[in-house]
């Protein structure tokens, strides 16, 4: 018998109520904490053997206040979502993205005249390259929140290629988080965990690189297999009916679009060029940090020169292609800002807001029209923003009920008097379970590594293996936990209901979790560099 899956709001509300009930059942407790400085950043860590009972704090009427608390805690992600929605609504009104997608697909279809490319499949190459790119970003600098800006680009591309929104989400969000799971140089997970474990920063690089390659290859195989099924029979997609939104959004005849270059586009071109020249003067050198290596490069001056050339070429074709050039350089400057200047949500939001506003003006929109389009886009994404606030409320109930630390303490006790393989598996399981309620990698490292690292010395497991158990446990369940604001935001942008995503992804998640354990075993069976 078919049973209707509850609404996402219902699922999260039920989890909040369950957590409130647990605050009555689980004895409250806390660890003592102290602040330490790692690489110039202050972190709060747990003091060894400091767990103690505290007064019970059962949650009752507080469940009605967690929406506000969740909004306060996740304000950055929520505002980022609204800004992204508004900015891309302005850009999409010009149909520049649709023009770009159709031009790209026309180009890829032209490649099929080569026999070897036709045999491989152009679409297969595109999907594989996009997955590798975002997986690399996740592995090197911990791309997570930044994927939200790309979901709104890649999902329509996947639809136009004949696939579905799930394929598009896998190409960007899942790829970045598989890379995050198999991180090689991620400073937010590997860097903090190794620092707290007194290990050389980013040591064990070689085996981590192997793991990243295996995990990424598996994801590519899974996505290509699924995409091929959907290509043959689109009705097999659980999002077939819901994806009508994306199909309709670009269903207008792009060939009927008038290609011309407005005077406003020329003005915007010169304004951006002047601004970039100014930034290049003030920030001529950019230092990119890859592990403990620092590479200095004249990134902004070089990109300014490329913008001057490619922007002019875009203007020669039409305002649509100039706007696409603005979008392309927005992505380039996003990468430069994150990797070279430590950008986060504030700077990234400003970058995309500027992109949206300038795109609107370049297409000849008035200020009132730009504002109206921005509000329409923000309204369109509001539902996802509310879900993010609700999901943040889960953490608030657990923290206010003082039951996170008792859960952590109880799970750690499971590792007593068992063999190395089992102990390592239990560590991995603990990190995986904790990640469901604490999706922040840096916070979880600060909470668990001060306990796990000394314990690994006692049972004869290398601290490097313990860091990898944390790394895998931190990464995989990010792609399914309702407490992850990034996941909920990505699903909201892609218009994929949470319940549909869980039902589709859970088998893949289980496979990745098992694969993660298999990849952990060589760390105790063999002598590996850095281990």
Protein backbone atom coordinates (compact mmCIF):
# COMPACT_ATOMS: atom_id res chain seq x y z
CA UNK A 1 0.00 0.00 0.00
CA UNK A 2 1.32 3.44 -0.94
CA UNK A 3 1.97 5.68 2.02
CA UNK A 4 2.35 9.40 1.63
CA UNK A 5 5.73 10.70 2.76
CA UNK A 6 5.35 13.53 5.31
CA UNK A 7 6.22 17.10 4.36
CA UNK A 8 9.78 18.25 5.13
CA UNK A 9 8.46 20.62 7.82
CA UNK A 10 6.66 17.70 9.45
CA UNK A 11 9.80 15.53 9.49
CA UNK A 12 11.96 18.24 11.06
CA UNK A 13 9.26 19.16 13.58
CA UNK A 14 9.03 15.48 14.59
CA UNK A 15 12.80 15.33 15.10
CA UNK A 16 12.63 18.43 17.31
CA UNK A 17 9.92 16.80 19.43
CA UNK A 18 11.94 13.57 19.73
CA UNK A 19 14.99 15.56 20.89
CA UNK A 20 12.82 17.33 23.45
CA UNK A 21 11.61 13.95 24.78
CA UNK A 22 15.22 12.71 24.98
CA UNK A 23 16.07 15.71 27.17
CA UNK A 24 13.74 14.16 29.78
CA UNK A 25 15.23 10.68 29.45
CA UNK A 26 19.00 11.11 29.01
CA UNK A 27 20.78 12.29 32.19
CA UNK A 28 22.22 15.74 31.56
CA UNK A 29 25.98 16.21 31.58
CA UNK A 30 28.80 18.37 30.29
CA UNK A 31 32.51 18.35 29.54
CA UNK A 32 34.73 21.13 30.78
CA UNK A 33 36.19 23.11 27.91
CA UNK A 34 39.20 25.29 27.33
CA UNK A 35 40.24 27.66 24.56
CA UNK A 36 43.39 26.93 22.58
CA UNK A 37 44.94 28.67 19.59
CA UNK A 38 45.62 26.72 16.40
CA UNK A 39 47.32 28.50 13.49
CA UNK A 40 46.24 31.83 14.91
CA UNK A 41 42.60 30.77 15.33
CA UNK A 42 41.09 30.25 18.76
CA UNK A 43 39.20 26.96 19.23
CA UNK A 44 37.24 25.58 22.16
CA UNK A 45 38.18 21.99 23.02
CA UNK A 46 37.14 19.41 25.62
CA UNK A 47 39.32 18.87 28.70
CA UNK A 48 40.32 15.19 29.13
CA UNK A 49 38.37 13.20 31.73
CA UNK A 50 36.22 16.22 32.59
CA UNK A 51 32.73 14.80 31.97
CA UNK A 52 30.36 15.41 34.88
CA UNK A 53 26.66 15.37 35.57
CA UNK A 54 24.73 18.64 35.68
CA UNK A 55 21.22 19.65 36.55
CA UNK A 56 18.60 18.24 34.21
CA UNK A 57 17.18 20.73 31.70
CA UNK A 58 14.12 19.10 30.12
CA UNK A 59 12.70 20.92 27.11
CA UNK A 60 8.96 21.64 26.91
CA UNK A 61 7.53 24.90 25.58
CA UNK A 62 11.01 25.69 24.21
CA UNK A 63 10.16 23.65 21.10
CA UNK A 64 8.04 26.61 19.95
CA UNK A 65 10.97 28.99 20.23
CA UNK A 66 13.53 26.98 18.28
CA UNK A 67 12.47 28.47 14.94
CA UNK A 68 13.62 31.90 16.10
CA UNK A 69 16.78 30.46 17.68
CA UNK A 70 17.47 28.45 14.54
CA UNK A 71 17.06 31.60 12.45
CA UNK A 72 19.50 33.43 14.72
CA UNK A 73 22.11 30.64 14.56
CA UNK A 74 21.74 30.11 10.80
CA UNK A 75 21.21 33.77 9.90
CA UNK A 76 24.24 33.79 7.61
CA UNK A 77 23.09 30.81 5.54
CA UNK A 78 19.49 32.08 5.41
CA UNK A 79 20.51 35.55 4.25
CA UNK A 80 22.91 33.98 1.75
CA UNK A 81 20.07 31.89 0.31
CA UNK A 82 17.79 34.90 -0.06
CA UNK A 83 20.53 36.96 -1.72
CA UNK A 84 21.44 34.13 -4.11
CA UNK A 85 17.77 33.64 -5.02
CA UNK A 86 17.29 37.35 -5.67
CA UNK A 87 20.55 37.82 -7.59
CA UNK A 88 19.93 34.92 -9.96
CA UNK A 89 16.33 35.96 -10.52
CA UNK A 90 17.67 39.28 -11.84
CA UNK A 91 20.17 37.49 -14.07
CA UNK A 92 17.66 34.87 -15.25
CA UNK A 93 15.23 37.58 -16.35
CA UNK A 94 17.68 38.42 -19.16
CA UNK A 95 17.62 34.77 -20.32
CA UNK A 96 21.42 34.95 -20.44
CA UNK A 97 21.78 31.65 -18.57
CA UNK A 98 19.33 29.93 -20.94
CA UNK A 99 21.25 31.30 -23.91
CA UNK A 100 24.48 30.04 -22.35
CA UNK A 101 23.09 26.57 -21.66
CA UNK A 102 21.75 26.17 -25.19
CA UNK A 103 25.02 27.46 -26.68
CA UNK A 104 26.96 24.99 -24.54
CA UNK A 105 24.73 22.09 -25.55
CA UNK A 106 25.05 23.11 -29.21
CA UNK A 107 28.84 23.08 -28.80
CA UNK A 108 28.87 19.65 -27.12
CA UNK A 109 26.62 18.19 -29.80
CA UNK A 110 29.13 19.43 -32.36
CA UNK A 111 31.83 17.35 -30.66
CA UNK A 112 29.90 14.20 -31.50
CA UNK A 113 31.25 14.38 -35.04
CA UNK A 114 34.43 12.89 -33.60
CA UNK A 115 34.02 9.12 -33.43
CA UNK A 116 36.01 8.66 -30.23
CA UNK A 117 34.01 11.37 -28.47
CA UNK A 118 30.73 9.94 -29.71
CA UNK A 119 31.75 6.53 -28.40
CA UNK A 120 32.54 7.91 -24.96
CA UNK A 121 29.53 10.23 -24.90
CA UNK A 122 29.92 14.00 -24.71
CA UNK A 123 27.44 14.26 -21.85
CA UNK A 124 29.38 11.63 -19.90
CA UNK A 125 32.53 13.72 -20.27
CA UNK A 126 30.73 16.88 -19.14
CA UNK A 127 29.23 15.18 -16.07
CA UNK A 128 32.56 13.60 -15.11
CA UNK A 129 34.54 16.84 -15.46
CA UNK A 130 32.02 18.86 -13.42
CA UNK A 131 32.04 16.23 -10.64
CA UNK A 132 35.87 16.13 -10.56
CA UNK A 133 36.04 19.93 -10.41
CA UNK A 134 33.66 20.33 -7.47
CA UNK A 135 35.05 17.27 -5.68
CA UNK A 136 38.51 18.83 -5.95
CA UNK A 137 37.18 22.10 -4.50
CA UNK A 138 35.65 20.22 -1.57
CA UNK A 139 38.88 18.31 -0.98
CA UNK A 140 41.28 21.24 -1.18
CA UNK A 141 39.52 24.16 0.50
CA UNK A 142 36.38 22.63 1.97
CA UNK A 143 33.79 23.96 -0.47
CA UNK A 144 30.37 23.57 1.15
CA UNK A 145 28.23 26.70 1.51
CA UNK A 146 29.69 27.96 -1.77
CA UNK A 147 27.96 25.15 -3.69
CA UNK A 148 24.60 26.87 -3.17
CA UNK A 149 25.54 29.48 -5.74
CA UNK A 150 26.28 26.79 -8.34
CA UNK A 151 23.22 24.58 -7.78
CA UNK A 152 21.04 27.15 -9.53
CA UNK A 153 23.35 26.94 -12.58
CA UNK A 154 24.10 23.22 -12.80
CA UNK A 155 20.55 21.93 -12.20
CA UNK A 156 19.08 23.73 -15.26
CA UNK A 157 22.08 22.52 -17.27
CA UNK A 158 21.36 18.91 -16.26
CA UNK A 159 17.70 19.34 -17.22
CA UNK A 160 18.60 20.68 -20.67
CA UNK A 161 21.00 17.77 -21.17
CA UNK A 162 18.04 15.41 -20.73
CA UNK A 163 18.53 14.43 -17.10
CA UNK A 164 16.83 15.53 -13.87
CA UNK A 165 17.40 17.84 -10.91
CA UNK A 166 18.85 14.96 -8.85
CA UNK A 167 21.59 14.48 -11.46
CA UNK A 168 22.33 18.21 -11.33
CA UNK A 169 22.51 18.22 -7.53
CA UNK A 170 24.88 15.24 -7.59
CA UNK A 171 27.15 17.03 -10.08
CA UNK A 172 27.72 19.96 -7.74
CA UNK A 173 26.54 19.56 -4.13
CA UNK A 174 27.19 15.83 -3.70
CA UNK A 175 30.48 16.06 -5.64
CA UNK A 176 31.77 18.82 -3.34
CA UNK A 177 30.78 16.87 -0.23
CA UNK A 178 32.28 13.61 -1.45
CA UNK A 179 35.47 15.65 -1.95
CA UNK A 180 34.92 17.09 1.53
CA UNK A 181 34.69 13.53 2.88
CA UNK A 182 37.89 12.48 1.12
CA UNK A 183 39.61 15.76 1.95
CA UNK A 184 43.31 16.04 1.18
CA UNK A 185 44.10 19.61 2.24
CA UNK A 186 40.84 20.87 3.76
CA UNK A 187 41.91 23.31 6.52
CA UNK A 188 38.48 23.24 8.19
CA UNK A 189 38.57 19.49 8.88
CA UNK A 190 41.99 17.93 8.31
CA UNK A 191 43.88 21.02 9.45
CA UNK A 192 41.95 21.41 12.73
CA UNK A 193 41.77 17.67 13.51
CA UNK A 194 45.50 17.15 12.95
CA UNK A 195 46.33 20.25 14.96
CA UNK A 196 44.26 19.02 17.90
CA UNK A 197 45.91 15.60 17.57
CA UNK A 198 49.45 17.03 17.61
CA UNK A 199 50.15 15.78 14.07
CA UNK A 200 52.12 17.63 11.36
CA UNK A 201 49.71 19.73 9.33
CA UNK A 202 48.33 17.81 6.31
CA UNK A 203 50.61 14.84 6.91
CA UNK A 204 49.44 11.54 5.41
CA UNK A 205 48.72 13.40 2.18
CA UNK A 206 49.55 10.45 -0.09
CA UNK A 207 46.95 7.97 1.16
CA UNK A 208 44.31 10.69 1.49
CA UNK A 209 44.82 11.52 -2.17
CA UNK A 210 44.25 7.85 -3.06
CA UNK A 211 41.03 7.82 -0.99
CA UNK A 212 39.81 11.01 -2.67
CA UNK A 213 40.40 9.48 -6.09
CA UNK A 214 38.51 6.29 -5.20
CA UNK A 215 35.54 8.13 -3.69
CA UNK A 216 35.28 10.53 -6.63
CA UNK A 217 35.53 7.70 -9.17
CA UNK A 218 32.73 5.81 -7.39
CA UNK A 219 30.51 8.92 -7.42
CA UNK A 220 31.13 9.43 -11.15
CA UNK A 221 30.19 5.80 -11.85
CA UNK A 222 26.99 6.05 -9.79
CA UNK A 223 25.88 9.34 -11.36
CA UNK A 224 26.64 8.19 -14.92
CA UNK A 225 24.68 4.98 -14.34
CA UNK A 226 21.70 6.87 -12.93
CA UNK A 227 21.87 9.59 -15.59
CA UNK A 228 21.87 6.98 -18.38
CA UNK A 229 18.68 5.41 -16.96
CA UNK A 230 16.96 8.80 -16.77
CA UNK A 231 18.09 9.67 -20.30
CA UNK A 232 16.49 6.47 -21.63
CA UNK A 233 13.29 6.87 -19.61
CA UNK A 234 12.80 10.29 -17.93
CA UNK A 235 9.67 9.03 -16.15
CA UNK A 236 11.88 6.86 -13.92
CA UNK A 237 13.06 9.97 -12.10
CA UNK A 238 11.30 10.58 -8.76
CA UNK A 239 11.46 14.27 -9.74
CA UNK A 240 9.96 13.85 -13.20
CA UNK A 241 6.76 15.78 -12.49
CA UNK A 242 8.35 18.33 -10.14
CA UNK A 243 11.09 19.08 -12.69
CA UNK A 244 8.41 20.52 -14.96
CA UNK A 245 9.29 23.84 -13.29
CA UNK A 246 12.83 23.72 -14.69
CA UNK A 247 11.70 22.46 -18.08
CA UNK A 248 9.13 25.23 -18.41
CA UNK A 249 11.51 27.93 -17.24
CA UNK A 250 13.69 27.48 -20.27
CA UNK A 251 11.06 26.24 -22.71
CA UNK A 252 10.81 29.51 -24.60
CA UNK A 253 12.41 29.48 -28.01
CA UNK A 254 15.89 30.83 -27.40
CA UNK A 255 16.33 31.29 -31.12
CA UNK A 256 13.69 34.03 -30.89
CA UNK A 257 15.77 36.06 -28.46
CA UNK A 258 16.96 39.36 -29.92
CA UNK A 259 20.74 39.50 -29.77
CA UNK A 260 21.91 43.07 -29.40
CA UNK A 261 24.27 45.05 -27.21
CA UNK A 262 22.74 47.83 -25.16
CA UNK A 263 24.53 51.02 -24.20
CA UNK A 264 23.94 50.08 -20.58
CA UNK A 265 26.04 46.92 -21.07
CA UNK A 266 28.96 49.04 -22.29
CA UNK A 267 28.66 51.32 -19.25
CA UNK A 268 28.62 48.32 -16.88
CA UNK A 269 31.62 46.83 -18.69
CA UNK A 270 33.72 49.95 -18.06
CA UNK A 271 32.52 50.31 -14.46
CA UNK A 272 33.59 46.75 -13.66
CA UNK A 273 36.89 47.24 -15.47
CA UNK A 274 37.68 50.38 -13.47
CA UNK A 275 36.82 48.58 -10.21
CA UNK A 276 39.02 45.60 -11.12
CA UNK A 277 41.94 47.86 -12.01
CA UNK A 278 41.58 49.49 -8.59
CA UNK A 279 41.55 46.10 -6.82
CA UNK A 280 44.55 44.98 -8.86
CA UNK A 281 46.52 48.02 -7.69
CA UNK A 282 45.68 47.46 -4.03
CA UNK A 283 45.94 43.65 -4.11
CA UNK A 284 48.48 42.84 -6.83
CA UNK A 285 49.61 39.55 -5.29
CA UNK A 286 47.38 36.77 -4.04
CA UNK A 287 48.75 34.03 -1.79
CA UNK A 288 47.14 30.66 -2.40
CA UNK A 289 47.62 28.17 0.43
CA UNK A 290 47.68 24.49 -0.55
CA UNK A 291 48.47 22.55 2.59
CA UNK A 292 51.62 24.02 4.08
CA UNK A 293 52.72 25.39 0.70
CA UNK A 294 52.12 29.04 -0.21
CA UNK A 295 51.99 30.10 -3.88
CA UNK A 296 52.02 33.82 -4.73
CA UNK A 297 50.46 34.85 -8.04
CA UNK A 298 49.31 38.06 -9.72
CA UNK A 299 45.78 36.66 -9.86
CA UNK A 300 43.77 39.90 -9.88
CA UNK A 301 45.87 41.73 -12.50
CA UNK A 302 45.80 38.68 -14.79
CA UNK A 303 42.05 38.20 -14.38
CA UNK A 304 41.48 41.92 -14.96
CA UNK A 305 43.30 41.66 -18.27
CA UNK A 306 41.26 38.59 -19.25
CA UNK A 307 38.04 40.36 -18.27
CA UNK A 308 38.97 43.35 -20.45
CA UNK A 309 39.43 41.02 -23.43
CA UNK A 310 36.60 38.53 -22.92
CA UNK A 311 34.13 41.20 -21.78
CA UNK A 312 34.76 43.14 -25.00
CA UNK A 313 34.27 39.98 -27.06
CA UNK A 314 31.02 39.30 -25.20
CA UNK A 315 29.80 42.81 -25.95
CA UNK A 316 30.48 42.26 -29.65
CA UNK A 317 28.07 39.31 -29.65
CA UNK A 318 25.25 40.60 -27.41
CA UNK A 319 24.33 41.75 -23.91
CA UNK A 320 23.43 38.11 -23.10
CA UNK A 321 27.00 36.93 -23.69
CA UNK A 322 28.42 39.88 -21.77
CA UNK A 323 26.23 38.93 -18.80
CA UNK A 324 27.49 35.36 -19.10
CA UNK A 325 31.03 36.75 -19.01
CA UNK A 326 30.15 38.59 -15.79
CA UNK A 327 28.82 35.30 -14.37
CA UNK A 328 31.97 33.44 -15.39
CA UNK A 329 34.29 35.96 -13.77
CA UNK A 330 32.10 36.01 -10.68
CA UNK A 331 32.88 32.31 -10.28
CA UNK A 332 36.60 32.89 -10.94
CA UNK A 333 36.77 35.66 -8.33
CA UNK A 334 34.84 33.44 -5.92
CA UNK A 335 37.60 30.83 -6.16
CA UNK A 336 40.34 33.47 -5.82
CA UNK A 337 38.60 35.04 -2.85
CA UNK A 338 38.01 31.78 -1.00
CA UNK A 339 41.43 30.25 -1.63
CA UNK A 340 43.56 33.38 -1.56
CA UNK A 341 41.80 35.87 0.70
CA UNK A 342 39.82 33.76 3.16
CA UNK A 343 36.39 34.83 1.94
CA UNK A 344 33.26 33.47 3.55
CA UNK A 345 29.53 34.18 3.40
CA UNK A 346 29.71 37.98 3.72
CA UNK A 347 32.15 38.47 0.85
CA UNK A 348 30.56 35.78 -1.32
CA UNK A 349 27.09 37.25 -0.80
CA UNK A 350 28.39 40.70 -1.74
CA UNK A 351 30.00 39.26 -4.89
CA UNK A 352 26.82 37.57 -6.12
CA UNK A 353 24.62 40.52 -5.19
CA UNK A 354 26.87 42.78 -7.25
CA UNK A 355 26.69 40.26 -10.10
CA UNK A 356 22.89 40.26 -10.03
CA UNK A 357 22.49 44.04 -9.82
CA UNK A 358 25.06 44.74 -12.54
CA UNK A 359 23.48 42.07 -14.78
CA UNK A 360 20.12 43.78 -14.40
CA UNK A 361 21.53 47.19 -15.27
CA UNK A 362 23.50 45.70 -18.17
CA UNK A 363 20.26 44.38 -19.65
CA UNK A 364 18.67 47.83 -19.40
CA UNK A 365 16.56 47.27 -16.29
CA UNK A 366 15.63 50.25 -14.16
CA UNK A 367 16.45 50.28 -10.44
CA UNK A 368 12.79 49.63 -9.59
CA UNK A 369 12.70 46.63 -11.95
CA UNK A 370 15.90 45.25 -10.43
CA UNK A 371 14.45 45.54 -6.93
CA UNK A 372 11.20 43.89 -8.00
CA UNK A 373 13.06 40.97 -9.58
CA UNK A 374 15.26 40.60 -6.51
CA UNK A 375 12.21 40.38 -4.23
CA UNK A 376 10.62 37.79 -6.54
CA UNK A 377 13.74 35.63 -6.35
CA UNK A 378 14.03 35.98 -2.57
CA UNK A 379 10.35 35.08 -2.18
CA UNK A 380 10.90 32.02 -4.36
CA UNK A 381 13.61 30.72 -2.01
CA UNK A 382 11.88 31.68 1.26
CA UNK A 383 10.48 28.19 1.85
CA UNK A 384 13.99 26.73 1.85
CA UNK A 385 15.14 29.47 4.23
CA UNK A 386 12.42 28.55 6.74
CA UNK A 387 13.48 24.90 6.60
CA UNK A 388 17.07 25.96 7.35
CA UNK A 389 15.82 27.82 10.43
CA UNK A 390 13.82 24.81 11.59
CA UNK A 391 16.80 22.49 11.09
CA UNK A 392 18.95 24.81 13.20
CA UNK A 393 16.35 24.42 15.96
CA UNK A 394 17.28 20.73 16.33
CA UNK A 395 20.75 21.68 17.55
CA UNK A 396 19.29 24.27 19.92
CA UNK A 397 17.04 21.70 21.63
CA UNK A 398 19.96 19.27 22.08
CA UNK A 399 22.24 21.97 23.45
CA UNK A 400 19.64 23.56 25.72
CA UNK A 401 18.65 20.11 26.99
CA UNK A 402 22.32 19.43 27.82
CA UNK A 403 22.30 16.00 26.17
CA UNK A 404 24.89 16.36 23.39
CA UNK A 405 27.83 15.77 25.74
CA UNK A 406 26.23 12.72 27.45
CA UNK A 407 25.59 11.19 24.03
CA UNK A 408 29.22 11.82 23.06
CA UNK A 409 30.49 10.40 26.36
CA UNK A 410 28.32 7.29 26.09
CA UNK A 411 29.39 6.56 22.54
CA UNK A 412 33.08 6.92 23.46
CA UNK A 413 32.62 4.29 26.18
CA UNK A 414 31.74 1.72 23.51
CA UNK A 415 35.37 1.54 22.43
CA UNK A 416 36.64 -0.12 25.59
CA UNK A 417 38.23 -3.60 25.39
CA UNK A 418 37.82 -4.34 21.66
CA UNK A 419 40.32 -5.02 18.86
CA UNK A 420 41.94 -2.43 16.61
CA UNK A 421 39.63 -2.95 13.63
CA UNK A 422 36.53 -2.85 15.80
CA UNK A 423 37.81 0.17 17.75
CA UNK A 424 38.51 2.06 14.55
CA UNK A 425 35.07 1.09 13.25
CA UNK A 426 33.45 2.29 16.48
CA UNK A 427 35.32 5.61 16.21
CA UNK A 428 34.05 5.94 12.66
CA UNK A 429 30.50 5.06 13.73
CA UNK A 430 30.62 7.59 16.57
CA UNK A 431 31.78 10.36 14.26
CA UNK A 432 29.11 9.40 11.72
CA UNK A 433 26.33 9.47 14.33
CA UNK A 434 27.54 12.71 15.90
CA UNK A 435 27.60 14.36 12.49
CA UNK A 436 23.85 13.88 12.22
CA UNK A 437 23.35 16.36 15.08
CA UNK A 438 26.57 18.42 14.75
CA UNK A 439 27.21 18.89 11.01
CA UNK A 440 29.94 21.50 11.56
CA UNK A 441 33.27 19.81 10.85
CA UNK A 442 35.39 22.26 12.86
CA UNK A 443 33.04 22.12 15.86
CA UNK A 444 33.01 18.33 15.82
CA UNK A 445 36.81 18.19 15.59
CA UNK A 446 37.09 20.46 18.62
CA UNK A 447 34.63 18.28 20.54
CA UNK A 448 35.86 14.80 19.67
CA UNK A 449 39.55 14.82 18.72
CA UNK A 450 40.83 15.71 22.23
CA UNK A 451 39.12 12.49 23.40
CA UNK A 452 39.72 10.24 20.39
CA UNK A 453 43.40 11.08 19.83
CA UNK A 454 44.68 10.08 23.32
CA UNK A 455 42.43 7.00 23.29
CA UNK A 456 43.96 5.85 20.00
CA UNK A 457 47.39 5.86 21.68
CA UNK A 458 46.12 3.50 24.37
CA UNK A 459 44.68 0.93 21.94
CA UNK A 460 47.59 1.09 19.49
CA UNK A 461 45.92 2.90 16.57
CA UNK A 462 47.77 5.74 14.90
CA UNK A 463 46.37 9.21 15.48
CA UNK A 464 46.39 9.66 11.72
CA UNK A 465 43.89 6.79 11.40
CA UNK A 466 41.73 8.44 14.05
CA UNK A 467 41.76 11.66 12.04
CA UNK A 468 40.63 9.73 8.95
CA UNK A 469 37.80 8.11 10.93
CA UNK A 470 36.71 11.62 11.91
CA UNK A 471 37.13 12.83 8.32
CA UNK A 472 34.90 10.14 6.78
CA UNK A 473 32.39 10.29 9.63
CA UNK A 474 32.18 14.05 9.25
CA UNK A 475 31.62 14.00 5.50
CA UNK A 476 29.20 11.35 4.29
CA UNK A 477 26.16 12.04 6.49
CA UNK A 478 26.36 15.76 5.62
CA UNK A 479 24.52 14.72 2.47
CA UNK A 480 21.46 13.49 4.32
CA UNK A 481 21.24 15.02 7.80
CA UNK A 482 18.36 17.49 8.26
CA UNK A 483 20.54 19.57 10.59
CA UNK A 484 22.76 20.63 7.66
CA UNK A 485 21.72 24.10 6.57
CA UNK A 486 23.71 23.69 3.34
CA UNK A 487 21.89 20.48 2.38
CA UNK A 488 18.47 21.97 3.09
CA UNK A 489 19.41 25.10 1.17
CA UNK A 490 20.67 23.12 -1.83
CA UNK A 491 17.52 20.99 -1.90
CA UNK A 492 15.41 24.14 -1.70
CA UNK A 493 17.20 25.75 -4.63
CA UNK A 494 16.95 22.54 -6.70
CA UNK A 495 13.29 22.17 -5.61
CA UNK A 496 13.86 18.61 -4.43
CA UNK A 497 11.74 17.72 -1.35
CA UNK A 498 13.86 16.42 1.54
CA UNK A 499 11.83 13.23 1.82
CA UNK A 500 12.35 12.46 -1.89
CA UNK A 501 16.08 13.05 -1.56
CA UNK A 502 16.44 10.79 1.49
CA UNK A 503 14.55 7.95 -0.17
CA UNK A 504 16.71 8.22 -3.31
CA UNK A 505 20.10 8.81 -1.68
CA UNK A 506 20.02 6.51 1.37
CA UNK A 507 21.30 3.41 -0.47
CA UNK A 508 24.15 5.38 -2.00
CA UNK A 509 24.96 6.82 1.43
CA UNK A 510 25.14 3.35 2.99
CA UNK A 511 27.50 2.24 0.22
CA UNK A 512 29.78 5.24 0.82
CA UNK A 513 29.78 4.62 4.58
CA UNK A 514 30.80 0.98 4.06
CA UNK A 515 33.43 2.04 1.51
CA UNK A 516 34.77 4.53 4.06
CA UNK A 517 35.30 1.73 6.59
CA UNK A 518 37.07 -0.40 3.96
CA UNK A 519 39.40 2.53 3.20
CA UNK A 520 40.17 2.89 6.92
CA UNK A 521 41.40 -0.68 7.32
CA UNK A 522 44.71 -0.20 5.42
CA UNK A 523 45.67 2.43 8.03
CA UNK A 524 46.02 -0.36 10.62
CA UNK A 525 47.09 -3.19 8.30
CA UNK A 526 49.93 -1.50 6.41
CA UNK A 527 52.74 0.98 6.94
CA UNK A 528 51.53 4.09 5.13
CA UNK A 529 53.45 7.38 4.69
CA UNK A 530 52.56 9.74 7.53
CA UNK A 531 50.70 7.05 9.48
